[in-house]
Amino acid sequence: MVVGLIILGVITVGVETHVDTALVHSSGLLDSSLLGWQLIYILPVAVLTNDFFISGFWMRTFASKTDKDLYIGVSLATVAVTIILTLVGAGGLLAAWTGAWPGNPPQDGSISFFLLLGLLPAWVVGIVLVMVVSLSTAAFDSLQSAMVSTGSNDLFRNKLNFWWIRLAVVLIIFPVVVVALKSPDILQIYLISDLVSASSIPVLIIGLSDRFYYWRGFEVVVGGLGGLLTVFIFGTIYFGNAQDGADLMLLENGLYSNDWSAFGAFVAAPVGGLLWALGAFALRIGYHWIMAKVKGHQFDAFDRPPPPPPSFYTGNADGDDGDRYGFTTVEASPSKGKIV
């Protein structure tokens, strides 16, 4: 469906629209700009860190049979997504160069793609709308499945009835729709979540490495909150008052403020988060060292912890995971134990 949508859109836009070469030069969209250079850093950081919170990606990751299959799938998806985003992103340029945007009266640039669609025949617009709604529904279905899976396994350790989780997901949908309808700028909501992820994900991925087994959730929490606090501190210094510094945490001016505030926020969030996390790590290690000296017991803050039992992941408190999942239990010699 995506391939069909791209082919249909490219052919019809190429046939039905006319690019005015005079508008290409007068629009200034091909000229160098401060925002353009800033986005080279902001967009990769925002998108990459925010994707860590998308459960649908993790579901596809764990569904891969081998690491090789995962690499192949990610590579193919990267090529396809790059092509699609390039074509869709070019829609804004074409809207400006064909005269569809800004229009009369002038329209917001965020709807330039839809203004370009207005130049196409009605039957093309109808097909595109049907495909877009179908794709959105499919993406929403994946999001619902991911929310149900995350709530059941990660929050309640599979101890709560599955249908209660589904009911909770359905109830969450209503306030989400209300927020989406009432929000004056949906881009601002995305930017706030990007800023939160940019402050918390760098300190989180450190704990995903087996080399940093001594990294704890304390550092992740302090680092995530500290990254946001660093954004506030940066904004207060940059603007000269605390109110504008607090507004920067919400990115009230968006990305189009034509200054260094948004860029500085996305630099301060990960860097500040890492610095706060390192400070929290040093504080925790220092506390354990002092307590070991005071109480006279062994300092074990850097000892590798034992692996958790299977029941930690399955939520089976009695530890009988083999019977639950159909594993065969055999007696091993000379020691006894369960072999899966």
Protein backbone atom coordinates (compact mmCIF):
# COMPACT_ATOMS: atom_id res chain seq x y z
CA MET A 1 0.00 0.00 0.00
CA VAL A 2 2.86 2.39 0.81
CA VAL A 3 4.55 1.63 -2.51
CA GLY A 4 1.27 2.17 -4.36
CA LEU A 5 0.73 5.46 -2.57
CA ILE A 6 4.22 6.68 -3.47
CA ILE A 7 3.93 5.62 -7.12
CA LEU A 8 0.50 7.20 -7.51
CA GLY A 9 1.60 10.41 -5.80
CA VAL A 10 4.80 10.80 -7.78
CA ILE A 11 3.15 10.20 -11.16
CA THR A 12 0.16 12.47 -10.58
CA VAL A 13 2.22 15.28 -9.05
CA GLY A 14 4.64 15.10 -11.97
CA VAL A 15 1.84 15.18 -14.55
CA GLU A 16 -0.71 17.53 -12.99
CA THR A 17 1.50 20.22 -11.42
CA HIS A 18 3.76 22.82 -12.96
CA VAL A 19 6.86 24.19 -11.24
CA ASP A 20 7.39 27.91 -11.76
CA THR A 21 11.15 28.45 -12.06
CA ALA A 22 10.74 32.04 -10.90
CA LEU A 23 9.29 30.83 -7.61
CA VAL A 24 12.22 28.45 -7.12
CA HIS A 25 14.64 31.36 -6.78
CA SER A 26 12.32 33.82 -5.05
CA SER A 27 11.19 31.34 -2.37
CA GLY A 28 14.69 31.12 -0.86
CA LEU A 29 14.09 27.50 0.17
CA LEU A 30 17.36 26.39 -1.42
CA ASP A 31 19.40 29.05 0.39
CA SER A 32 21.48 28.28 3.46
CA SER A 33 19.81 29.12 6.77
CA LEU A 34 20.60 28.92 10.47
CA LEU A 35 17.64 26.62 11.13
CA GLY A 36 18.68 24.28 8.32
CA TRP A 37 22.11 23.73 9.83
CA GLN A 38 20.65 23.34 13.31
CA LEU A 39 18.19 20.67 12.14
CA ILE A 40 21.10 18.51 10.94
CA TYR A 41 21.74 17.90 14.64
CA ILE A 42 18.27 18.38 16.18
CA LEU A 43 16.29 15.95 14.01
CA PRO A 44 18.61 12.90 14.33
CA VAL A 45 18.86 13.36 18.10
CA ALA A 46 15.13 13.92 18.54
CA VAL A 47 13.99 11.07 16.28
CA LEU A 48 16.61 8.53 17.37
CA THR A 49 16.08 8.98 21.10
CA ASN A 50 12.30 9.21 20.81
CA ASP A 51 12.16 5.92 18.89
CA PHE A 52 13.41 4.14 22.01
CA PHE A 53 9.98 4.79 23.56
CA ILE A 54 8.06 3.31 20.62
CA SER A 55 7.05 -0.16 21.76
CA GLY A 56 6.20 -1.26 18.23
CA PHE A 57 9.88 -1.08 17.29
CA TRP A 58 10.85 -3.23 20.27
CA MET A 59 8.17 -5.77 19.37
CA ARG A 60 9.65 -6.12 15.90
CA THR A 61 13.15 -6.31 17.37
CA PHE A 62 12.33 -9.18 19.71
CA ALA A 63 10.32 -10.91 16.99
CA SER A 64 13.46 -11.28 14.85
CA LYS A 65 14.67 -14.86 14.70
CA THR A 66 18.37 -13.97 14.63
CA ASP A 67 20.52 -10.85 14.79
CA LYS A 68 21.24 -11.27 11.08
CA ASP A 69 17.52 -11.15 10.29
CA LEU A 70 17.25 -8.01 12.42
CA TYR A 71 20.12 -6.31 10.59
CA ILE A 72 18.64 -7.17 7.21
CA GLY A 73 15.18 -5.95 8.21
CA VAL A 74 16.50 -2.71 9.67
CA SER A 75 18.63 -2.06 6.57
CA LEU A 76 15.71 -2.59 4.19
CA ALA A 77 13.42 -0.47 6.34
CA THR A 78 16.02 2.32 6.49
CA VAL A 79 16.27 2.48 2.71
CA ALA A 80 12.49 2.43 2.27
CA VAL A 81 11.84 5.05 4.97
CA THR A 82 14.56 7.33 3.57
CA ILE A 83 13.00 7.24 0.11
CA ILE A 84 9.47 7.81 1.45
CA LEU A 85 10.46 10.71 3.71
CA THR A 86 12.45 12.32 0.91
CA LEU A 87 9.47 12.20 -1.45
CA VAL A 88 6.99 13.38 1.17
CA GLY A 89 9.35 16.12 2.34
CA ALA A 90 9.74 17.33 -1.24
CA GLY A 91 5.99 17.95 -1.24
CA GLY A 92 6.54 21.12 0.76
CA LEU A 93 9.05 22.42 -1.78
CA LEU A 94 6.76 21.59 -4.68
CA ALA A 95 3.84 23.30 -2.96
CA ALA A 96 5.86 26.52 -2.73
CA TRP A 97 7.26 26.26 -6.26
CA THR A 98 3.89 25.54 -7.86
CA GLY A 99 2.17 28.42 -6.08
CA ALA A 100 -0.09 26.20 -3.97
CA TRP A 101 1.54 27.62 -0.84
CA PRO A 102 1.15 30.07 0.85
CA GLY A 103 -2.10 30.61 -1.05
CA ASN A 104 -4.70 33.35 -0.71
CA PRO A 105 -5.27 33.93 2.15
CA PRO A 106 -1.83 32.75 3.33
CA GLN A 107 -1.89 29.32 4.97
CA ASP A 108 0.37 27.76 7.56
CA GLY A 109 3.36 25.91 6.17
CA SER A 110 2.45 22.72 8.04
CA ILE A 111 -0.40 22.05 5.59
CA SER A 112 1.61 22.74 2.42
CA PHE A 113 1.48 19.05 1.46
CA PHE A 114 -2.30 19.07 1.56
CA LEU A 115 -2.38 22.29 -0.45
CA LEU A 116 -0.36 20.47 -3.08
CA LEU A 117 -2.90 17.63 -3.05
CA GLY A 118 -5.57 20.22 -3.80
CA LEU A 119 -4.03 20.70 -7.23
CA LEU A 120 -4.57 17.04 -8.13
CA PRO A 121 -7.73 15.50 -9.61
CA ALA A 122 -10.49 14.56 -7.17
CA TRP A 123 -10.15 10.83 -7.83
CA VAL A 124 -6.46 10.95 -6.91
CA VAL A 125 -7.19 12.84 -3.71
CA GLY A 126 -9.84 10.27 -2.80
CA ILE A 127 -7.47 7.33 -3.30
CA VAL A 128 -4.71 9.06 -1.35
CA LEU A 129 -7.02 9.82 1.56
CA VAL A 130 -8.24 6.21 1.73
CA MET A 131 -4.65 4.92 1.71
CA VAL A 132 -3.53 7.45 4.34
CA VAL A 133 -6.42 6.55 6.65
CA SER A 134 -5.66 2.83 6.19
CA LEU A 135 -1.99 3.34 6.99
CA SER A 136 -2.83 5.46 10.04
CA THR A 137 -5.23 2.79 11.27
CA ALA A 138 -2.56 0.12 10.83
CA ALA A 139 -0.02 2.20 12.76
CA PHE A 140 -2.55 2.85 15.51
CA ASP A 141 -3.33 -0.87 15.73
CA SER A 142 0.36 -1.63 16.20
CA LEU A 143 0.55 1.04 18.90
CA GLN A 144 -2.41 -0.48 20.73
CA SER A 145 -0.87 -3.95 20.60
CA ALA A 146 2.41 -2.58 21.91
CA MET A 147 0.66 -0.76 24.77
CA VAL A 148 -1.23 -3.92 25.75
CA SER A 149 1.95 -5.99 25.66
CA THR A 150 3.94 -3.44 27.65
CA GLY A 151 1.23 -3.00 30.26
CA SER A 152 0.71 -6.73 30.71
CA ASN A 153 4.33 -7.82 30.83
CA ASP A 154 6.35 -4.87 32.08
CA LEU A 155 3.92 -3.20 34.48
CA PHE A 156 1.95 -6.12 35.92
CA ARG A 157 4.31 -9.05 35.18
CA ASN A 158 1.45 -10.98 33.52
CA LYS A 159 -0.43 -11.16 36.84
CA LEU A 160 -3.41 -9.07 35.71
CA ASN A 161 -6.09 -10.42 33.42
CA PHE A 162 -5.35 -9.60 29.79
CA TRP A 163 -8.78 -8.09 29.19
CA TRP A 164 -8.29 -5.55 31.97
CA ILE A 165 -5.15 -4.34 30.20
CA ARG A 166 -7.08 -3.98 26.94
CA LEU A 167 -9.82 -2.06 28.70
CA ALA A 168 -7.25 0.31 30.20
CA VAL A 169 -5.76 0.94 26.77
CA VAL A 170 -9.21 1.76 25.37
CA LEU A 171 -9.84 4.20 28.23
CA ILE A 172 -6.49 5.90 27.63
CA ILE A 173 -7.46 6.58 24.02
CA PHE A 174 -10.16 9.10 24.97
CA PRO A 175 -7.95 11.66 26.78
CA VAL A 176 -5.31 11.22 24.06
CA VAL A 177 -7.86 12.18 21.39
CA VAL A 178 -8.99 15.17 23.46
CA VAL A 179 -5.41 16.40 23.87
CA ALA A 180 -4.76 15.99 20.14
CA LEU A 181 -7.89 17.98 19.25
CA LYS A 182 -7.34 20.75 21.81
CA SER A 183 -3.62 21.22 21.25
CA PRO A 184 -2.85 24.42 19.35
CA ASP A 185 0.28 22.89 17.82
CA ILE A 186 0.76 19.13 17.61
CA LEU A 187 4.41 19.70 16.70
CA GLN A 188 5.00 21.17 20.16
CA ILE A 189 3.78 17.95 21.80
CA TYR A 190 6.24 15.96 19.71
CA LEU A 191 9.05 18.38 20.56
CA ILE A 192 8.36 18.09 24.29
CA SER A 193 8.49 14.30 24.11
CA ASP A 194 11.67 14.55 22.01
CA LEU A 195 13.27 16.75 24.65
CA VAL A 196 12.33 14.30 27.41
CA SER A 197 13.74 11.37 25.45
CA ALA A 198 16.90 13.30 24.57
CA SER A 199 17.58 13.83 28.28
CA SER A 200 16.78 10.29 29.47
CA ILE A 201 17.75 7.89 26.67
CA PRO A 202 21.54 8.55 26.64
CA VAL A 203 21.79 7.63 30.32
CA LEU A 204 19.43 4.69 29.80
CA ILE A 205 21.39 3.01 27.00
CA ILE A 206 24.49 2.94 29.19
CA GLY A 207 22.72 0.39 31.37
CA LEU A 208 21.91 -1.75 28.33
CA SER A 209 25.59 -2.60 27.95
CA ASP A 210 26.86 -5.56 29.94
CA ARG A 211 30.10 -3.69 30.56
CA PHE A 212 28.27 -1.20 32.75
CA TYR A 213 26.56 -3.76 34.98
CA TYR A 214 27.11 -1.43 37.95
CA TRP A 215 24.83 1.23 36.38
CA ARG A 216 21.54 1.49 38.29
CA GLY A 217 18.11 2.99 37.86
CA PHE A 218 19.04 5.73 40.29
CA GLU A 219 21.45 7.20 37.76
CA VAL A 220 18.87 6.92 34.97
CA VAL A 221 16.18 8.78 36.95
CA VAL A 222 18.53 11.48 38.16
CA GLY A 223 20.05 11.86 34.70
CA GLY A 224 16.67 12.16 32.98
CA LEU A 225 15.39 14.77 35.41
CA GLY A 226 18.75 16.50 35.49
CA GLY A 227 18.74 16.83 31.71
CA LEU A 228 15.45 18.73 31.83
CA LEU A 229 16.77 20.87 34.69
CA THR A 230 19.82 21.65 32.56
CA VAL A 231 17.53 22.86 29.78
CA PHE A 232 15.89 25.20 32.29
CA ILE A 233 19.26 26.48 33.48
CA PHE A 234 20.42 27.03 29.91
CA GLY A 235 17.22 28.87 29.00
CA THR A 236 17.44 31.07 32.08
CA ILE A 237 21.01 32.06 31.24
CA TYR A 238 20.32 32.45 27.52
CA PHE A 239 17.19 34.58 27.85
CA GLY A 240 18.12 36.26 31.12
CA ASN A 241 15.00 35.29 33.11
CA ALA A 242 13.55 32.15 34.66
CA GLN A 243 10.14 32.39 32.94
CA ASP A 244 11.64 32.09 29.47
CA GLY A 245 13.85 29.30 30.76
CA ALA A 246 10.76 27.40 31.91
CA ASP A 247 9.06 28.08 28.56
CA LEU A 248 12.07 26.60 26.79
CA MET A 249 11.43 23.29 28.57
CA LEU A 250 8.07 23.28 26.76
CA LEU A 251 9.61 24.69 23.56
CA GLU A 252 6.94 27.38 23.41
CA ASN A 253 8.63 29.01 20.43
CA GLY A 254 8.97 25.73 18.54
CA LEU A 255 11.86 25.22 16.15
CA TYR A 256 11.31 28.38 14.14
CA SER A 257 12.48 30.98 16.65
CA ASN A 258 15.48 31.91 14.45
CA ASP A 259 17.91 31.79 17.38
CA TRP A 260 19.97 29.23 19.27
CA SER A 261 17.40 28.42 21.95
CA ALA A 262 15.98 25.17 20.46
CA PHE A 263 19.43 23.98 19.39
CA GLY A 264 20.83 24.72 22.83
CA ALA A 265 17.95 22.86 24.48
CA PHE A 266 18.66 19.69 22.50
CA VAL A 267 22.35 19.98 23.35
CA ALA A 268 21.78 20.71 27.02
CA ALA A 269 19.32 17.82 27.49
CA PRO A 270 21.63 14.86 26.66
CA VAL A 271 24.85 16.48 27.87
CA GLY A 272 23.27 17.66 31.10
CA GLY A 273 21.59 14.29 31.60
CA LEU A 274 24.92 12.47 31.32
CA LEU A 275 26.63 14.89 33.72
CA TRP A 276 23.85 14.58 36.30
CA ALA A 277 23.90 10.79 35.94
CA LEU A 278 27.66 10.67 36.48
CA GLY A 279 27.24 12.85 39.55
CA ALA A 280 24.50 10.55 40.86
CA PHE A 281 26.72 7.53 40.17
CA ALA A 282 29.61 9.07 42.13
CA LEU A 283 27.22 9.97 44.96
CA ARG A 284 25.82 6.43 45.15
CA ILE A 285 29.25 4.79 45.03
CA GLY A 286 30.55 7.19 47.66
CA TYR A 287 27.60 6.42 49.93
CA HIS A 288 28.15 2.65 49.64
CA TRP A 289 31.88 3.08 50.30
CA ILE A 290 31.24 5.17 53.42
CA MET A 291 28.65 2.69 54.71
CA ALA A 292 31.08 -0.18 54.10
CA LYS A 293 33.74 1.61 56.10
CA VAL A 294 31.37 2.56 58.91
CA LYS A 295 29.74 -0.87 59.28
CA GLY A 296 32.86 -2.83 58.48
CA HIS A 297 31.41 -5.00 55.72
CA GLN A 298 32.71 -5.64 52.20
CA PHE A 299 32.46 -2.89 49.59
CA ASP A 300 30.52 -4.65 46.82
CA ALA A 301 29.22 -1.76 44.70
CA PHE A 302 31.28 -2.97 41.72
CA ASP A 303 30.54 -6.69 42.14
CA ARG A 304 28.63 -8.20 39.25
CA PRO A 305 25.10 -9.10 40.42
CA PRO A 306 23.79 -12.65 39.87
CA PRO A 307 21.41 -13.12 36.91
CA PRO A 308 17.72 -12.90 37.81
CA PRO A 309 15.66 -16.12 37.81
CA PRO A 310 13.34 -16.85 34.87
CA SER A 311 10.36 -15.95 37.04
CA PHE A 312 11.59 -12.33 37.02
CA TYR A 313 10.74 -12.10 33.31
CA THR A 314 7.68 -14.34 33.23
CA GLY A 315 6.02 -13.16 36.43
CA ASN A 316 5.69 -16.73 37.70
CA ALA A 317 6.29 -16.28 41.41
CA ASP A 318 6.55 -19.99 42.24
CA GLY A 319 9.40 -20.39 39.75
CA ASP A 320 7.69 -23.26 37.90
CA ASP A 321 8.38 -21.74 34.49
CA GLY A 322 9.11 -25.02 32.78
CA ASP A 323 5.64 -26.46 33.38
CA ARG A 324 3.97 -23.20 32.42
CA TYR A 325 5.62 -22.94 29.00
CA GLY A 326 5.82 -26.61 28.20
CA PHE A 327 9.53 -27.05 28.85
CA THR A 328 10.84 -30.51 29.62
CA THR A 329 12.32 -31.07 33.04
CA VAL A 330 15.08 -33.66 33.22
CA GLU A 331 17.50 -34.70 35.89
CA ALA A 332 21.10 -33.81 35.14
CA SER A 333 24.04 -35.73 36.55
CA PRO A 334 25.92 -35.30 38.77
CA SER A 335 24.08 -32.12 39.82
CA LYS A 336 20.32 -31.77 39.69
CA GLY A 337 18.48 -29.01 37.94
CA LYS A 338 16.12 -28.00 35.17
CA ILE A 339 17.35 -28.09 31.60
CA VAL A 340 15.27 -26.32 28.96
